[in-house]
Amino acid sequence: MTTISQTAGRSLRPSSSSGFFATLVNAAYALFNRLERRSAVKTLNELDDRALRDIGINRSQIEDAVYGQFKADLTRYL
């Protein structure tokens, strides 16, 4: 018996509407991520210098620490 696939004439590429929704979801995720990081920067800026020192950063390193660009100076431990 011969079977014919129903998907034979269809493109394997996702439709433009699914691409649109994927872009929309990615934009929403990026916005949520940005808002969450801004909130973290605000919270850390509200801490005093002693509390920041306790967690290992100083005031000038807050944004770098939140955005993942912080590099600890490990030479002081060697």
PDB file of N, CA and C in Angstrom:
ATOM      1  N   MET A   1       0.837  -1.171   0.000  1.00  0.00           N
ATOM      2  CA  MET A   1       0.000   0.000   0.000  1.00  0.00           C
ATOM      3  C   MET A   1       0.886   1.240   0.000  1.00  0.00           C
ATOM      4  N   THR A   2       0.534   2.254  -0.757  1.00  0.00           N
ATOM      5  CA  THR A   2       1.307   3.482  -0.891  1.00  0.00           C
ATOM      6  C   THR A   2       0.713   4.557   0.009  1.00  0.00           C
ATOM      7  N   THR A   3       1.602   5.257   0.721  1.00  0.00           N
ATOM      8  CA  THR A   3       1.154   6.342   1.591  1.00  0.00           C
ATOM      9  C   THR A   3       1.679   7.665   1.046  1.00  0.00           C
ATOM     10  N   ILE A   4       0.827   8.644   0.965  1.00  0.00           N
ATOM     11  CA  ILE A   4       1.225   9.975   0.504  1.00  0.00           C
ATOM     12  C   ILE A   4       1.191  10.920   1.697  1.00  0.00           C
ATOM     13  N   SER A   5       2.289  11.621   1.881  1.00  0.00           N
ATOM     14  CA  SER A   5       2.377  12.555   3.003  1.00  0.00           C
ATOM     15  C   SER A   5       1.561  13.806   2.709  1.00  0.00           C
ATOM     16  N   GLN A   6       0.876  14.296   3.705  1.00  0.00           N
ATOM     17  CA  GLN A   6       0.085  15.516   3.538  1.00  0.00           C
ATOM     18  C   GLN A   6       0.957  16.763   3.561  1.00  0.00           C
ATOM     19  N   THR A   7       2.207  16.640   3.991  1.00  0.00           N
ATOM     20  CA  THR A   7       3.090  17.801   4.078  1.00  0.00           C
ATOM     21  C   THR A   7       3.970  17.941   2.843  1.00  0.00           C
ATOM     22  N   ALA A   8       3.702  17.178   1.813  1.00  0.00           N
ATOM     23  CA  ALA A   8       4.574  17.141   0.647  1.00  0.00           C
ATOM     24  C   ALA A   8       4.744  18.506  -0.008  1.00  0.00           C
ATOM     25  N   GLY A   9       3.735  19.322  -0.097  1.00  0.00           N
ATOM     26  CA  GLY A   9       3.833  20.604  -0.777  1.00  0.00           C
ATOM     27  C   GLY A   9       4.119  21.780   0.139  1.00  0.00           C
ATOM     28  N   ARG A  10       4.280  21.537   1.413  1.00  0.00           N
ATOM     29  CA  ARG A  10       4.460  22.636   2.366  1.00  0.00           C
ATOM     30  C   ARG A  10       5.929  22.995   2.538  1.00  0.00           C
ATOM     31  N   SER A  11       6.155  24.255   2.803  1.00  0.00           N
ATOM     32  CA  SER A  11       7.507  24.725   3.063  1.00  0.00           C
ATOM     33  C   SER A  11       7.917  24.340   4.480  1.00  0.00           C
ATOM     34  N   LEU A  12       9.187  24.030   4.647  1.00  0.00           N
ATOM     35  CA  LEU A  12       9.682  23.693   5.980  1.00  0.00           C
ATOM     36  C   LEU A  12      10.018  24.939   6.790  1.00  0.00           C
ATOM     37  N   ARG A  13      10.019  26.095   6.141  1.00  0.00           N
ATOM     38  CA  ARG A  13      10.281  27.363   6.805  1.00  0.00           C
ATOM     39  C   ARG A  13       9.095  27.758   7.662  1.00  0.00           C
ATOM     40  N   PRO A  14       9.330  28.316   8.875  1.00  0.00           N
ATOM     41  CA  PRO A  14       8.197  28.760   9.674  1.00  0.00           C
ATOM     42  C   PRO A  14       7.472  29.905   8.981  1.00  0.00           C
ATOM     43  N   SER A  15       6.194  29.989   9.227  1.00  0.00           N
ATOM     44  CA  SER A  15       5.415  31.049   8.593  1.00  0.00           C
ATOM     45  C   SER A  15       5.819  32.408   9.166  1.00  0.00           C
ATOM     46  N   SER A  16       5.464  33.455   8.455  1.00  0.00           N
ATOM     47  CA  SER A  16       5.853  34.797   8.889  1.00  0.00           C
ATOM     48  C   SER A  16       5.176  35.170  10.208  1.00  0.00           C
ATOM     49  N   SER A  17       3.998  34.615  10.472  1.00  0.00           N
ATOM     50  CA  SER A  17       3.325  34.946  11.725  1.00  0.00           C
ATOM     51  C   SER A  17       4.057  34.347  12.917  1.00  0.00           C
ATOM     52  N   SER A  18       4.619  33.149  12.762  1.00  0.00           N
ATOM     53  CA  SER A  18       5.364  32.571  13.877  1.00  0.00           C
ATOM     54  C   SER A  18       6.661  33.337  14.090  1.00  0.00           C
ATOM     55  N   GLY A  19       7.274  33.846  13.029  1.00  0.00           N
ATOM     56  CA  GLY A  19       8.457  34.684  13.159  1.00  0.00           C
ATOM     57  C   GLY A  19       8.125  35.983  13.875  1.00  0.00           C
ATOM     58  N   PHE A  20       6.959  36.531  13.575  1.00  0.00           N
ATOM     59  CA  PHE A  20       6.509  37.747  14.240  1.00  0.00           C
ATOM     60  C   PHE A  20       6.308  37.511  15.728  1.00  0.00           C
ATOM     61  N   PHE A  21       5.672  36.415  16.077  1.00  0.00           N
ATOM     62  CA  PHE A  21       5.426  36.128  17.483  1.00  0.00           C
ATOM     63  C   PHE A  21       6.719  35.823  18.230  1.00  0.00           C
ATOM     64  N   ALA A  22       7.654  35.153  17.573  1.00  0.00           N
ATOM     65  CA  ALA A  22       8.952  34.888  18.198  1.00  0.00           C
ATOM     66  C   ALA A  22       9.677  36.204  18.465  1.00  0.00           C
ATOM     67  N   THR A  23       9.613  37.127  17.517  1.00  0.00           N
ATOM     68  CA  THR A  23      10.223  38.442  17.696  1.00  0.00           C
ATOM     69  C   THR A  23       9.545  39.189  18.825  1.00  0.00           C
ATOM     70  N   LEU A  24       8.245  39.096  18.898  1.00  0.00           N
ATOM     71  CA  LEU A  24       7.488  39.765  19.957  1.00  0.00           C
ATOM     72  C   LEU A  24       7.847  39.193  21.326  1.00  0.00           C
ATOM     73  N   VAL A  25       7.956  37.881  21.423  1.00  0.00           N
ATOM     74  CA  VAL A  25       8.335  37.239  22.682  1.00  0.00           C
ATOM     75  C   VAL A  25       9.750  37.637  23.079  1.00  0.00           C
ATOM     76  N   ASN A  26      10.671  37.657  22.116  1.00  0.00           N
ATOM     77  CA  ASN A  26      12.044  38.065  22.410  1.00  0.00           C
ATOM     78  C   ASN A  26      12.110  39.511  22.875  1.00  0.00           C
ATOM     79  N   ALA A  27      11.316  40.390  22.275  1.00  0.00           N
ATOM     80  CA  ALA A  27      11.286  41.795  22.682  1.00  0.00           C
ATOM     81  C   ALA A  27      10.727  41.938  24.098  1.00  0.00           C
ATOM     82  N   ALA A  28       9.689  41.170  24.413  1.00  0.00           N
ATOM     83  CA  ALA A  28       9.115  41.221  25.753  1.00  0.00           C
ATOM     84  C   ALA A  28      10.120  40.714  26.786  1.00  0.00           C
ATOM     85  N   TYR A  29      10.842  39.645  26.447  1.00  0.00           N
ATOM     86  CA  TYR A  29      11.860  39.116  27.349  1.00  0.00           C
ATOM     87  C   TYR A  29      12.968  40.140  27.570  1.00  0.00           C
ATOM     88  N   ALA A  30      13.406  40.799  26.493  1.00  0.00           N
ATOM     89  CA  ALA A  30      14.462  41.808  26.605  1.00  0.00           C
ATOM     90  C   ALA A  30      14.002  42.974  27.468  1.00  0.00           C
ATOM     91  N   LEU A  31      12.752  43.388  27.310  1.00  0.00           N
ATOM     92  CA  LEU A  31      12.215  44.485  28.121  1.00  0.00           C
ATOM     93  C   LEU A  31      12.160  44.087  29.591  1.00  0.00           C
ATOM     94  N   PHE A  32      11.672  42.886  29.879  1.00  0.00           N
ATOM     95  CA  PHE A  32      11.608  42.410  31.259  1.00  0.00           C
ATOM     96  C   PHE A  32      13.006  42.341  31.871  1.00  0.00           C
ATOM     97  N   ASN A  33      13.964  41.840  31.105  1.00  0.00           N
ATOM     98  CA  ASN A  33      15.336  41.726  31.569  1.00  0.00           C
ATOM     99  C   ASN A  33      15.908  43.110  31.877  1.00  0.00           C
ATOM    100  N   ARG A  34      15.655  44.066  31.010  1.00  0.00           N
ATOM    101  CA  ARG A  34      16.149  45.435  31.205  1.00  0.00           C
ATOM    102  C   ARG A  34      15.547  46.058  32.461  1.00  0.00           C
ATOM    103  N   LEU A  35      14.254  45.887  32.642  1.00  0.00           N
ATOM    104  CA  LEU A  35      13.591  46.453  33.826  1.00  0.00           C
ATOM    105  C   LEU A  35      14.100  45.819  35.112  1.00  0.00           C
ATOM    106  N   GLU A  36      14.355  44.515  35.061  1.00  0.00           N
ATOM    107  CA  GLU A  36      14.859  43.819  36.237  1.00  0.00           C
ATOM    108  C   GLU A  36      16.263  44.302  36.599  1.00  0.00           C
ATOM    109  N   ARG A  37      17.099  44.501  35.608  1.00  0.00           N
ATOM    110  CA  ARG A  37      18.458  44.987  35.869  1.00  0.00           C
ATOM    111  C   ARG A  37      18.447  46.427  36.370  1.00  0.00           C
ATOM    112  N   ARG A  38      17.583  47.261  35.805  1.00  0.00           N
ATOM    113  CA  ARG A  38      17.472  48.642  36.303  1.00  0.00           C
ATOM    114  C   ARG A  38      17.056  48.665  37.763  1.00  0.00           C
ATOM    115  N   SER A  39      16.159  47.763  38.130  1.00  0.00           N
ATOM    116  CA  SER A  39      15.721  47.665  39.519  1.00  0.00           C
ATOM    117  C   SER A  39      16.875  47.242  40.421  1.00  0.00           C
ATOM    118  N   ALA A  40      17.696  46.308  39.946  1.00  0.00           N
ATOM    119  CA  ALA A  40      18.846  45.851  40.730  1.00  0.00           C
ATOM    120  C   ALA A  40      19.851  46.976  40.921  1.00  0.00           C
ATOM    121  N   VAL A  41      20.099  47.770  39.876  1.00  0.00           N
ATOM    122  CA  VAL A  41      21.017  48.904  39.989  1.00  0.00           C
ATOM    123  C   VAL A  41      20.475  49.912  40.997  1.00  0.00           C
ATOM    124  N   LYS A  42      19.196  50.178  40.946  1.00  0.00           N
ATOM    125  CA  LYS A  42      18.575  51.127  41.886  1.00  0.00           C
ATOM    126  C   LYS A  42      18.707  50.627  43.318  1.00  0.00           C
ATOM    127  N   THR A  43      18.441  49.347  43.531  1.00  0.00           N
ATOM    128  CA  THR A  43      18.535  48.769  44.874  1.00  0.00           C
ATOM    129  C   THR A  43      19.962  48.840  45.403  1.00  0.00           C
ATOM    130  N   LEU A  44      20.930  48.516  44.565  1.00  0.00           N
ATOM    131  CA  LEU A  44      22.325  48.568  45.007  1.00  0.00           C
ATOM    132  C   LEU A  44      22.774  49.996  45.265  1.00  0.00           C
ATOM    133  N   ASN A  45      22.295  50.948  44.485  1.00  0.00           N
ATOM    134  CA  ASN A  45      22.646  52.350  44.717  1.00  0.00           C
ATOM    135  C   ASN A  45      22.094  52.875  46.038  1.00  0.00           C
ATOM    136  N   GLU A  46      21.040  52.261  46.544  1.00  0.00           N
ATOM    137  CA  GLU A  46      20.454  52.673  47.813  1.00  0.00           C
ATOM    138  C   GLU A  46      21.244  52.162  49.019  1.00  0.00           C
ATOM    139  N   LEU A  47      22.129  51.167  48.802  1.00  0.00           N
ATOM    140  CA  LEU A  47      22.940  50.634  49.893  1.00  0.00           C
ATOM    141  C   LEU A  47      24.055  51.614  50.248  1.00  0.00           C
ATOM    142  N   ASP A  48      24.497  51.551  51.495  1.00  0.00           N
ATOM    143  CA  ASP A  48      25.634  52.385  51.875  1.00  0.00           C
ATOM    144  C   ASP A  48      26.937  51.707  51.456  1.00  0.00           C
ATOM    145  N   ASP A  49      28.035  52.459  51.537  1.00  0.00           N
ATOM    146  CA  ASP A  49      29.329  51.943  51.066  1.00  0.00           C
ATOM    147  C   ASP A  49      29.784  50.715  51.847  1.00  0.00           C
ATOM    148  N   ARG A  50      29.458  50.658  53.120  1.00  0.00           N
ATOM    149  CA  ARG A  50      29.863  49.507  53.926  1.00  0.00           C
ATOM    150  C   ARG A  50      29.157  48.228  53.457  1.00  0.00           C
ATOM    151  N   ALA A  51      27.867  48.338  53.166  1.00  0.00           N
ATOM    152  CA  ALA A  51      27.121  47.169  52.681  1.00  0.00           C
ATOM    153  C   ALA A  51      27.637  46.721  51.316  1.00  0.00           C
ATOM    154  N   LEU A  52      27.961  47.668  50.460  1.00  0.00           N
ATOM    155  CA  LEU A  52      28.523  47.315  49.157  1.00  0.00           C
ATOM    156  C   LEU A  52      29.871  46.621  49.317  1.00  0.00           C
ATOM    157  N   ARG A  53      30.686  47.117  50.232  1.00  0.00           N
ATOM    158  CA  ARG A  53      31.985  46.502  50.486  1.00  0.00           C
ATOM    159  C   ARG A  53      31.811  45.076  51.007  1.00  0.00           C
ATOM    160  N   ASP A  54      30.767  44.852  51.796  1.00  0.00           N
ATOM    161  CA  ASP A  54      30.495  43.509  52.316  1.00  0.00           C
ATOM    162  C   ASP A  54      30.188  42.503  51.199  1.00  0.00           C
ATOM    163  N   ILE A  55      29.559  42.968  50.136  1.00  0.00           N
ATOM    164  CA  ILE A  55      29.262  42.045  49.040  1.00  0.00           C
ATOM    165  C   ILE A  55      30.364  42.049  47.985  1.00  0.00           C
ATOM    166  N   GLY A  56      31.397  42.860  48.185  1.00  0.00           N
ATOM    167  CA  GLY A  56      32.580  42.785  47.340  1.00  0.00           C
ATOM    168  C   GLY A  56      32.662  43.751  46.186  1.00  0.00           C
ATOM    169  N   ILE A  57      31.850  44.799  46.195  1.00  0.00           N
ATOM    170  CA  ILE A  57      31.940  45.801  45.131  1.00  0.00           C
ATOM    171  C   ILE A  57      31.956  47.190  45.745  1.00  0.00           C
ATOM    172  N   ASN A  58      32.382  48.158  44.961  1.00  0.00           N
ATOM    173  CA  ASN A  58      32.255  49.544  45.407  1.00  0.00           C
ATOM    174  C   ASN A  58      31.251  50.244  44.495  1.00  0.00           C
ATOM    175  N   ARG A  59      30.917  51.464  44.806  1.00  0.00           N
ATOM    176  CA  ARG A  59      29.840  52.170  44.110  1.00  0.00           C
ATOM    177  C   ARG A  59      30.090  52.285  42.606  1.00  0.00           C
ATOM    178  N   SER A  60      31.323  52.456  42.205  1.00  0.00           N
ATOM    179  CA  SER A  60      31.615  52.622  40.778  1.00  0.00           C
ATOM    180  C   SER A  60      31.493  51.307  40.002  1.00  0.00           C
ATOM    181  N   GLN A  61      31.365  50.189  40.678  1.00  0.00           N
ATOM    182  CA  GLN A  61      31.274  48.886  40.017  1.00  0.00           C
ATOM    183  C   GLN A  61      29.855  48.330  39.959  1.00  0.00           C
ATOM    184  N   ILE A  62      28.876  49.080  40.426  1.00  0.00           N
ATOM    185  CA  ILE A  62      27.507  48.565  40.516  1.00  0.00           C
ATOM    186  C   ILE A  62      26.974  48.151  39.152  1.00  0.00           C
ATOM    187  N   GLU A  63      27.020  49.040  38.175  1.00  0.00           N
ATOM    188  CA  GLU A  63      26.452  48.708  36.866  1.00  0.00           C
ATOM    189  C   GLU A  63      27.212  47.570  36.191  1.00  0.00           C
ATOM    190  N   ASP A  64      28.530  47.564  36.337  1.00  0.00           N
ATOM    191  CA  ASP A  64      29.301  46.464  35.763  1.00  0.00           C
ATOM    192  C   ASP A  64      28.922  45.131  36.400  1.00  0.00           C
ATOM    193  N   ALA A  65      28.690  45.135  37.707  1.00  0.00           N
ATOM    194  CA  ALA A  65      28.317  43.899  38.400  1.00  0.00           C
ATOM    195  C   ALA A  65      26.931  43.423  37.964  1.00  0.00           C
ATOM    196  N   VAL A  66      25.993  44.332  37.822  1.00  0.00           N
ATOM    197  CA  VAL A  66      24.628  43.959  37.437  1.00  0.00           C
ATOM    198  C   VAL A  66      24.580  43.478  35.992  1.00  0.00           C
ATOM    199  N   TYR A  67      25.314  44.123  35.118  1.00  0.00           N
ATOM    200  CA  TYR A  67      25.274  43.763  33.699  1.00  0.00           C
ATOM    201  C   TYR A  67      26.272  42.680  33.326  1.00  0.00           C
ATOM    202  N   GLY A  68      26.954  42.096  34.308  1.00  0.00           N
ATOM    203  CA  GLY A  68      27.804  40.950  34.060  1.00  0.00           C
ATOM    204  C   GLY A  68      29.173  41.268  33.513  1.00  0.00           C
ATOM    205  N   GLN A  69      29.640  42.483  33.681  1.00  0.00           N
ATOM    206  CA  GLN A  69      30.943  42.862  33.167  1.00  0.00           C
ATOM    207  C   GLN A  69      31.961  43.025  34.285  1.00  0.00           C
ATOM    208  N   PHE A  70      31.591  42.648  35.481  1.00  0.00           N
ATOM    209  CA  PHE A  70      32.432  42.835  36.657  1.00  0.00           C
ATOM    210  C   PHE A  70      33.508  41.764  36.697  1.00  0.00           C
ATOM    211  N   LYS A  71      34.725  42.190  36.849  1.00  0.00           N
ATOM    212  CA  LYS A  71      35.844  41.259  36.985  1.00  0.00           C
ATOM    213  C   LYS A  71      36.493  41.547  38.330  1.00  0.00           C
ATOM    214  N   ALA A  72      36.408  40.585  39.212  1.00  0.00           N
ATOM    215  CA  ALA A  72      36.995  40.750  40.542  1.00  0.00           C
ATOM    216  C   ALA A  72      38.513  40.769  40.442  1.00  0.00           C
ATOM    217  N   ASP A  73      39.125  41.583  41.246  1.00  0.00           N
ATOM    218  CA  ASP A  73      40.584  41.649  41.282  1.00  0.00           C
ATOM    219  C   ASP A  73      41.057  40.498  42.156  1.00  0.00           C
ATOM    220  N   LEU A  74      41.412  39.393  41.509  1.00  0.00           N
ATOM    221  CA  LEU A  74      41.788  38.185  42.242  1.00  0.00           C
ATOM    222  C   LEU A  74      43.245  38.222  42.707  1.00  0.00           C
ATOM    223  N   THR A  75      44.019  39.192  42.266  1.00  0.00           N
ATOM    224  CA  THR A  75      45.434  39.238  42.630  1.00  0.00           C
ATOM    225  C   THR A  75      45.621  39.480  44.117  1.00  0.00           C
ATOM    226  N   ARG A  76      44.644  40.081  44.761  1.00  0.00           N
ATOM    227  CA  ARG A  76      44.804  40.320  46.206  1.00  0.00           C
ATOM    228  C   ARG A  76      44.732  39.025  47.013  1.00  0.00           C
ATOM    229  N   TYR A  77      44.240  37.928  46.408  1.00  0.00           N
ATOM    230  CA  TYR A  77      44.147  36.670  47.107  1.00  0.00           C
ATOM    231  C   TYR A  77      45.360  35.768  46.854  1.00  0.00           C
ATOM    232  N   LEU A  78      46.242  36.173  45.944  1.00  0.00           N
ATOM    233  CA  LEU A  78      47.400  35.341  45.609  1.00  0.00           C
ATOM    234  C   LEU A  78      48.543  35.554  46.553  1.00  0.00           C
TER     235      LEU A  78
END
